[in-house]
Amino acid sequence: MTTGKLELSGITKSYGARRVLDDVSFQVAPGRLTGFVGGNGAGKTTTMRIVLGLLSADGGRVELDGSPLTAEDRRHFGYMPEERGLYPKMKVLEQIVYLARLHGFSKTDAAARATALLTELGLDARLNDTIESLSLGNQQRAQVAASLVHDPEVLILDEPFSGLDPLAVDVVAGVLQASAAKGAAILFSSHQLDVVERLCDDLVILAGGTIRAAGSRDALRAEHAGDRYELVSAGDAGWLRTEPGITVLDFEGGYALFEAESAETAQRVLRAAVDRGDVASFAPKHPSLAQIFKEVIQ
């Protein structure tokens, strides 16, 4: 698989007087899963459709490895729309083989590729069932297969985990991680922030058509850690409640979660804890993705 970095720079889009995207800029790196989150109407689907050439932007650029996207580039993209788009009366394997053939696979290679992918997605017992006879969750798995069957260089998925039970989420997540491991650049949107947090390497948060935060998951969590700290020690941590400059938020035995008025105060508390006995761990308390999301869109 050839791989490339997808980059959006200054994308704008308006419908009449209503601007739905305003200076949207971010990157989707090869070999990484980029979570794309935002509320309903934030502009995620519009952004994805502009990348795919299904909509035109009013301004800005979409590039692959520094060059403007072409129709030939997009032939090597995979796309899963939020609305299911498979032929309902076709059999599952027949459908995915057909799509592989459209991308130039021979009949033999298309059948082998489609069968392997559907088996990986847990649909091996449903190969000869029609799409319309599948449960909604299994239709979703088939839709994922349709977006992946040609081994795309860039994969764009709009709500791929919608309607999936926890086991199916794990199956689909594993398939996407395997695709990223082979070098694909993957952008996926989801309202399931716990799934995004577990799966993504990078994160883009969109609200009101503007980027509110973008970067690696770990960097964003560290950036928004703020002034909360966790202390785990061998002794009783009750003494923290009388320390000046801090507010204890949670406390049990040797565990304490507290806010400090400054980094210097936190370091003073750490020194005091060390003087009192064994300290197992002391670190900033990183917020969850849901907490970061709420913070940046307010």
Protein backbone atom coordinates (compact mmCIF):
# COMPACT_ATOMS: atom_id res chain seq x y z
CA MET A 1 0.00 0.00 0.00
CA THR A 2 1.29 3.46 -0.88
CA THR A 3 0.51 5.90 1.91
CA GLY A 4 0.20 9.63 2.22
CA LYS A 5 -0.71 12.40 4.63
CA LEU A 6 -4.11 13.98 4.08
CA GLU A 7 -4.10 17.68 4.90
CA LEU A 8 -6.93 20.22 5.01
CA SER A 9 -5.97 23.91 5.04
CA GLY A 10 -8.38 26.81 5.54
CA ILE A 11 -11.50 25.01 4.30
CA THR A 12 -14.59 27.23 4.21
CA LYS A 13 -18.13 26.42 3.12
CA SER A 14 -21.32 28.45 3.22
CA TYR A 15 -24.92 27.87 2.27
CA GLY A 16 -26.28 31.30 1.51
CA ALA A 17 -25.55 33.53 4.49
CA ARG A 18 -24.87 30.57 6.78
CA ARG A 19 -21.20 29.60 7.08
CA VAL A 20 -21.00 25.90 7.99
CA LEU A 21 -17.19 25.56 7.85
CA ASP A 22 -14.81 28.35 8.81
CA ASP A 23 -11.05 27.96 8.31
CA VAL A 24 -11.03 24.21 8.99
CA SER A 25 -7.45 22.92 9.04
CA PHE A 26 -6.08 19.59 10.26
CA GLN A 27 -4.04 16.57 9.19
CA VAL A 28 -4.73 12.84 8.96
CA ALA A 29 -1.43 11.00 9.15
CA PRO A 30 -0.69 7.62 7.55
CA GLY A 31 -0.67 4.72 9.97
CA ARG A 32 -2.83 6.59 12.48
CA LEU A 33 -6.50 6.70 13.44
CA THR A 34 -7.84 10.24 13.72
CA GLY A 35 -11.07 10.69 15.65
CA PHE A 36 -13.33 13.47 14.35
CA VAL A 37 -15.87 14.57 16.94
CA GLY A 38 -18.49 17.26 17.30
CA GLY A 39 -22.17 17.68 17.98
CA ASN A 40 -24.92 17.32 15.38
CA GLY A 41 -24.57 20.05 12.79
CA ALA A 42 -20.94 20.79 13.69
CA GLY A 43 -19.83 20.26 10.08
CA LYS A 44 -18.16 16.82 10.23
CA THR A 45 -20.08 15.22 7.36
CA THR A 46 -19.70 18.34 5.21
CA THR A 47 -15.94 18.26 5.80
CA MET A 48 -15.75 14.58 4.85
CA ARG A 49 -17.75 15.13 1.68
CA ILE A 50 -15.44 17.97 0.64
CA VAL A 51 -12.41 15.69 1.12
CA LEU A 52 -14.10 13.08 -1.07
CA GLY A 53 -15.00 15.58 -3.79
CA LEU A 54 -18.73 15.10 -3.22
CA LEU A 55 -19.03 18.78 -2.28
CA SER A 56 -16.91 21.73 -3.33
CA ALA A 57 -15.39 24.07 -0.78
CA ASP A 58 -15.71 27.83 -1.10
CA GLY A 59 -12.08 28.24 -0.07
CA GLY A 60 -9.05 26.37 1.20
CA ARG A 61 -7.13 23.30 0.03
CA VAL A 62 -7.26 19.54 0.44
CA GLU A 63 -3.92 17.89 -0.29
CA LEU A 64 -2.32 14.47 -0.22
CA ASP A 65 1.40 14.57 0.55
CA GLY A 66 1.51 18.26 -0.35
CA SER A 67 -0.24 17.98 -3.74
CA PRO A 68 -3.86 18.87 -4.53
CA LEU A 69 -6.19 15.87 -4.45
CA THR A 70 -7.07 14.44 -7.86
CA ALA A 71 -9.82 12.10 -9.01
CA GLU A 72 -7.18 9.38 -9.33
CA ASP A 73 -6.11 9.91 -5.70
CA ARG A 74 -9.70 9.53 -4.58
CA ARG A 75 -9.96 6.18 -6.36
CA HIS A 76 -7.63 4.91 -3.64
CA PHE A 77 -9.84 6.28 -0.86
CA GLY A 78 -12.39 4.28 1.08
CA TYR A 79 -15.60 5.91 2.30
CA MET A 80 -18.33 4.74 4.61
CA PRO A 81 -21.28 7.16 4.71
CA GLU A 82 -23.51 7.42 7.75
CA GLU A 83 -26.45 6.38 5.56
CA ARG A 84 -26.20 2.75 4.47
CA GLY A 85 -25.59 2.57 0.74
CA LEU A 86 -25.40 -1.12 -0.19
CA TYR A 87 -27.81 -2.87 -2.54
CA PRO A 88 -30.38 -4.43 -0.19
CA LYS A 89 -31.27 -7.44 -2.35
CA MET A 90 -27.71 -8.48 -3.20
CA LYS A 91 -26.02 -11.20 -1.19
CA VAL A 92 -23.30 -10.03 1.18
CA LEU A 93 -20.33 -11.71 -0.51
CA GLU A 94 -21.67 -10.90 -3.99
CA GLN A 95 -21.91 -7.22 -3.02
CA ILE A 96 -18.37 -6.92 -1.66
CA VAL A 97 -16.88 -8.91 -4.57
CA TYR A 98 -18.70 -6.58 -6.97
CA LEU A 99 -17.17 -3.52 -5.31
CA ALA A 100 -13.69 -5.06 -5.38
CA ARG A 101 -14.11 -5.76 -9.12
CA LEU A 102 -15.00 -2.09 -9.66
CA HIS A 103 -11.60 -1.24 -8.17
CA GLY A 104 -9.81 -3.48 -10.63
CA PHE A 105 -9.44 -6.75 -8.73
CA SER A 106 -9.68 -9.94 -10.78
CA LYS A 107 -12.65 -12.19 -10.07
CA THR A 108 -10.47 -14.62 -8.11
CA ASP A 109 -8.66 -11.94 -6.12
CA ALA A 110 -11.90 -10.06 -5.44
CA ALA A 111 -13.56 -13.20 -4.06
CA ALA A 112 -10.55 -14.04 -1.89
CA ARG A 113 -10.23 -10.50 -0.58
CA ALA A 114 -13.96 -10.13 0.12
CA THR A 115 -14.24 -13.51 1.85
CA ALA A 116 -11.22 -12.84 4.08
CA LEU A 117 -12.44 -9.38 5.05
CA LEU A 118 -16.00 -10.48 5.78
CA THR A 119 -14.68 -13.36 7.86
CA GLU A 120 -12.47 -10.95 9.80
CA LEU A 121 -15.58 -8.87 10.46
CA GLY A 122 -17.49 -11.89 11.77
CA LEU A 123 -19.81 -12.26 8.77
CA ASP A 124 -18.52 -15.61 7.49
CA ALA A 125 -21.85 -17.28 8.35
CA ARG A 126 -23.78 -14.58 6.44
CA LEU A 127 -21.96 -14.56 3.10
CA ASN A 128 -24.99 -15.82 1.15
CA ASP A 129 -27.59 -13.78 3.01
CA THR A 130 -29.04 -10.68 1.39
CA ILE A 131 -28.05 -7.31 2.82
CA GLU A 132 -31.65 -6.50 3.75
CA SER A 133 -31.98 -9.72 5.78
CA LEU A 134 -29.09 -8.78 8.08
CA SER A 135 -29.49 -7.11 11.45
CA LEU A 136 -28.63 -3.41 11.49
CA GLY A 137 -25.36 -4.21 13.24
CA ASN A 138 -24.38 -6.75 10.60
CA GLN A 139 -25.35 -4.34 7.84
CA GLN A 140 -22.93 -1.92 9.46
CA ARG A 141 -20.16 -4.53 9.38
CA ALA A 142 -20.87 -5.16 5.69
CA GLN A 143 -20.66 -1.41 5.07
CA VAL A 144 -17.23 -1.36 6.73
CA ALA A 145 -16.15 -4.22 4.44
CA ALA A 146 -17.33 -2.25 1.41
CA SER A 147 -15.12 0.70 2.39
CA LEU A 148 -12.06 -1.50 2.98
CA VAL A 149 -12.18 -4.18 0.29
CA HIS A 150 -9.86 -2.35 -2.12
CA ASP A 151 -7.19 -1.75 0.57
CA PRO A 152 -7.54 2.06 0.53
CA GLU A 153 -4.71 4.48 1.16
CA VAL A 154 -7.06 6.89 2.97
CA LEU A 155 -10.17 5.69 4.80
CA ILE A 156 -12.99 8.02 5.81
CA LEU A 157 -15.80 6.65 7.96
CA ASP A 158 -18.86 8.57 9.13
CA GLU A 159 -20.20 6.99 12.36
CA PRO A 160 -18.81 3.47 11.75
CA PHE A 161 -19.80 2.26 15.22
CA SER A 162 -23.43 3.36 15.07
CA GLY A 163 -25.78 0.52 15.99
CA LEU A 164 -23.00 -1.88 17.02
CA ASP A 165 -23.03 -3.79 20.29
CA PRO A 166 -19.81 -3.72 22.40
CA LEU A 167 -18.52 -6.99 20.92
CA ALA A 168 -19.08 -5.77 17.36
CA VAL A 169 -17.38 -2.45 18.23
CA ASP A 170 -14.29 -4.42 19.26
CA VAL A 171 -14.36 -6.45 16.03
CA VAL A 172 -14.65 -3.38 13.79
CA ALA A 173 -12.06 -1.49 15.85
CA GLY A 174 -9.61 -4.36 15.40
CA VAL A 175 -10.10 -4.34 11.63
CA LEU A 176 -9.52 -0.57 11.48
CA GLN A 177 -6.40 -0.83 13.65
CA ALA A 178 -5.06 -3.53 11.32
CA SER A 179 -5.65 -1.25 8.33
CA ALA A 180 -3.82 1.61 10.06
CA ALA A 181 -0.96 -0.76 10.92
CA LYS A 182 -0.54 -1.35 7.17
CA GLY A 183 -0.19 2.40 6.65
CA ALA A 184 -3.69 3.70 5.91
CA ALA A 185 -4.59 7.21 7.05
CA ILE A 186 -7.96 6.83 8.79
CA LEU A 187 -10.43 9.58 9.70
CA PHE A 188 -13.56 8.48 11.54
CA SER A 189 -16.37 10.35 13.22
CA SER A 190 -18.34 9.05 16.18
CA HIS A 191 -20.60 10.27 18.94
CA GLN A 192 -19.34 7.43 21.15
CA LEU A 193 -16.56 9.36 22.88
CA ASP A 194 -15.44 6.38 24.95
CA VAL A 195 -14.80 4.42 21.75
CA VAL A 196 -12.98 7.37 20.16
CA GLU A 197 -10.81 7.78 23.25
CA ARG A 198 -9.85 4.11 23.23
CA LEU A 199 -9.21 3.89 19.50
CA CYS A 200 -7.84 7.18 18.20
CA ASP A 201 -4.20 8.23 17.98
CA ASP A 202 -5.13 11.79 17.06
CA LEU A 203 -8.20 13.87 17.70
CA VAL A 204 -10.01 16.75 15.98
CA ILE A 205 -12.87 18.51 17.76
CA LEU A 206 -15.23 20.57 15.60
CA ALA A 207 -17.98 22.88 16.85
CA GLY A 208 -19.97 25.47 14.93
CA GLY A 209 -17.88 24.82 11.82
CA THR A 210 -14.56 25.69 13.48
CA ILE A 211 -11.76 23.56 14.88
CA ARG A 212 -11.72 23.89 18.67
CA ALA A 213 -8.89 21.42 19.36
CA ALA A 214 -6.61 19.16 17.33
CA GLY A 215 -3.58 17.05 18.12
CA SER A 216 -2.53 13.70 19.47
CA ARG A 217 -4.86 12.19 22.06
CA ASP A 218 -2.13 12.09 24.71
CA ALA A 219 -1.00 15.66 24.06
CA LEU A 220 -4.55 16.99 24.32
CA ARG A 221 -5.15 15.10 27.56
CA ALA A 222 -1.93 16.50 29.00
CA GLU A 223 -2.75 20.02 27.79
CA HIS A 224 -6.16 19.93 29.49
CA ALA A 225 -4.98 18.23 32.67
CA GLY A 226 -5.18 21.60 34.40
CA ASP A 227 -4.49 21.74 38.11
CA ARG A 228 -5.76 18.32 39.23
CA TYR A 229 -3.37 15.74 40.64
CA GLU A 230 -3.57 12.17 41.90
CA LEU A 231 -1.49 10.93 44.82
CA VAL A 232 -1.18 7.28 45.81
CA SER A 233 0.87 6.60 48.93
CA ALA A 234 1.41 3.84 51.47
CA GLY A 235 0.10 5.91 54.37
CA ASP A 236 -3.18 7.67 55.06
CA ALA A 237 -3.61 10.73 52.83
CA GLY A 238 -6.00 12.52 55.18
CA TRP A 239 -3.34 15.11 56.06
CA LEU A 240 -3.91 16.69 52.63
CA ARG A 241 -7.18 18.20 53.82
CA THR A 242 -5.28 20.68 55.99
CA GLU A 243 -2.62 21.58 53.42
CA PRO A 244 -2.81 25.24 52.28
CA GLY A 245 -3.40 25.97 48.59
CA ILE A 246 -5.17 22.73 47.67
CA THR A 247 -8.72 21.40 47.56
CA VAL A 248 -9.22 17.68 48.09
CA LEU A 249 -11.81 16.32 45.63
CA ASP A 250 -11.63 12.61 46.47
CA PHE A 251 -9.92 10.76 49.26
CA GLU A 252 -9.73 7.18 50.50
CA GLY A 253 -6.89 5.69 52.54
CA GLY A 254 -3.67 6.38 50.67
CA TYR A 255 -5.42 7.73 47.55
CA ALA A 256 -6.26 11.39 47.00
CA LEU A 257 -7.42 13.51 44.07
CA PHE A 258 -6.90 17.22 44.60
CA GLU A 259 -6.72 20.61 42.91
CA ALA A 260 -3.65 22.75 43.51
CA GLU A 261 -3.54 26.51 43.10
CA SER A 262 -0.24 26.22 41.20
CA ALA A 263 2.35 23.73 39.98
CA GLU A 264 4.64 24.89 42.77
CA THR A 265 1.95 24.02 45.33
CA ALA A 266 1.61 20.56 43.82
CA GLN A 267 5.37 20.03 44.08
CA ARG A 268 5.30 21.14 47.72
CA VAL A 269 2.59 18.56 48.40
CA LEU A 270 4.68 15.88 46.70
CA ARG A 271 7.71 16.72 48.84
CA ALA A 272 5.55 16.57 51.95
CA ALA A 273 4.15 13.19 50.89
CA VAL A 274 7.67 11.82 50.32
CA ASP A 275 8.70 13.03 53.77
CA ARG A 276 5.74 11.21 55.29
CA GLY A 277 6.40 7.82 53.68
CA ASP A 278 6.40 5.77 50.47
CA VAL A 279 4.78 7.45 47.45
CA ALA A 280 3.59 4.89 44.89
CA SER A 281 2.58 7.48 42.29
CA PHE A 282 2.00 11.19 41.80
CA ALA A 283 0.82 12.68 38.50
CA PRO A 284 -1.50 15.20 36.89
CA LYS A 285 -5.01 13.80 36.49
CA HIS A 286 -5.67 13.66 32.76
CA PRO A 287 -9.28 14.37 31.79
CA SER A 288 -11.38 12.03 29.68
CA LEU A 289 -12.17 12.90 26.07
CA ALA A 290 -15.75 13.66 27.12
CA GLN A 291 -14.46 16.22 29.64
CA ILE A 292 -12.15 17.83 27.06
CA PHE A 293 -14.97 17.94 24.53
CA LYS A 294 -17.29 19.73 26.95
CA GLU A 295 -14.55 22.16 27.92
CA VAL A 296 -13.51 23.21 24.41
CA ILE A 297 -16.97 23.61 22.89
CA GLN A 298 -18.36 25.77 25.70
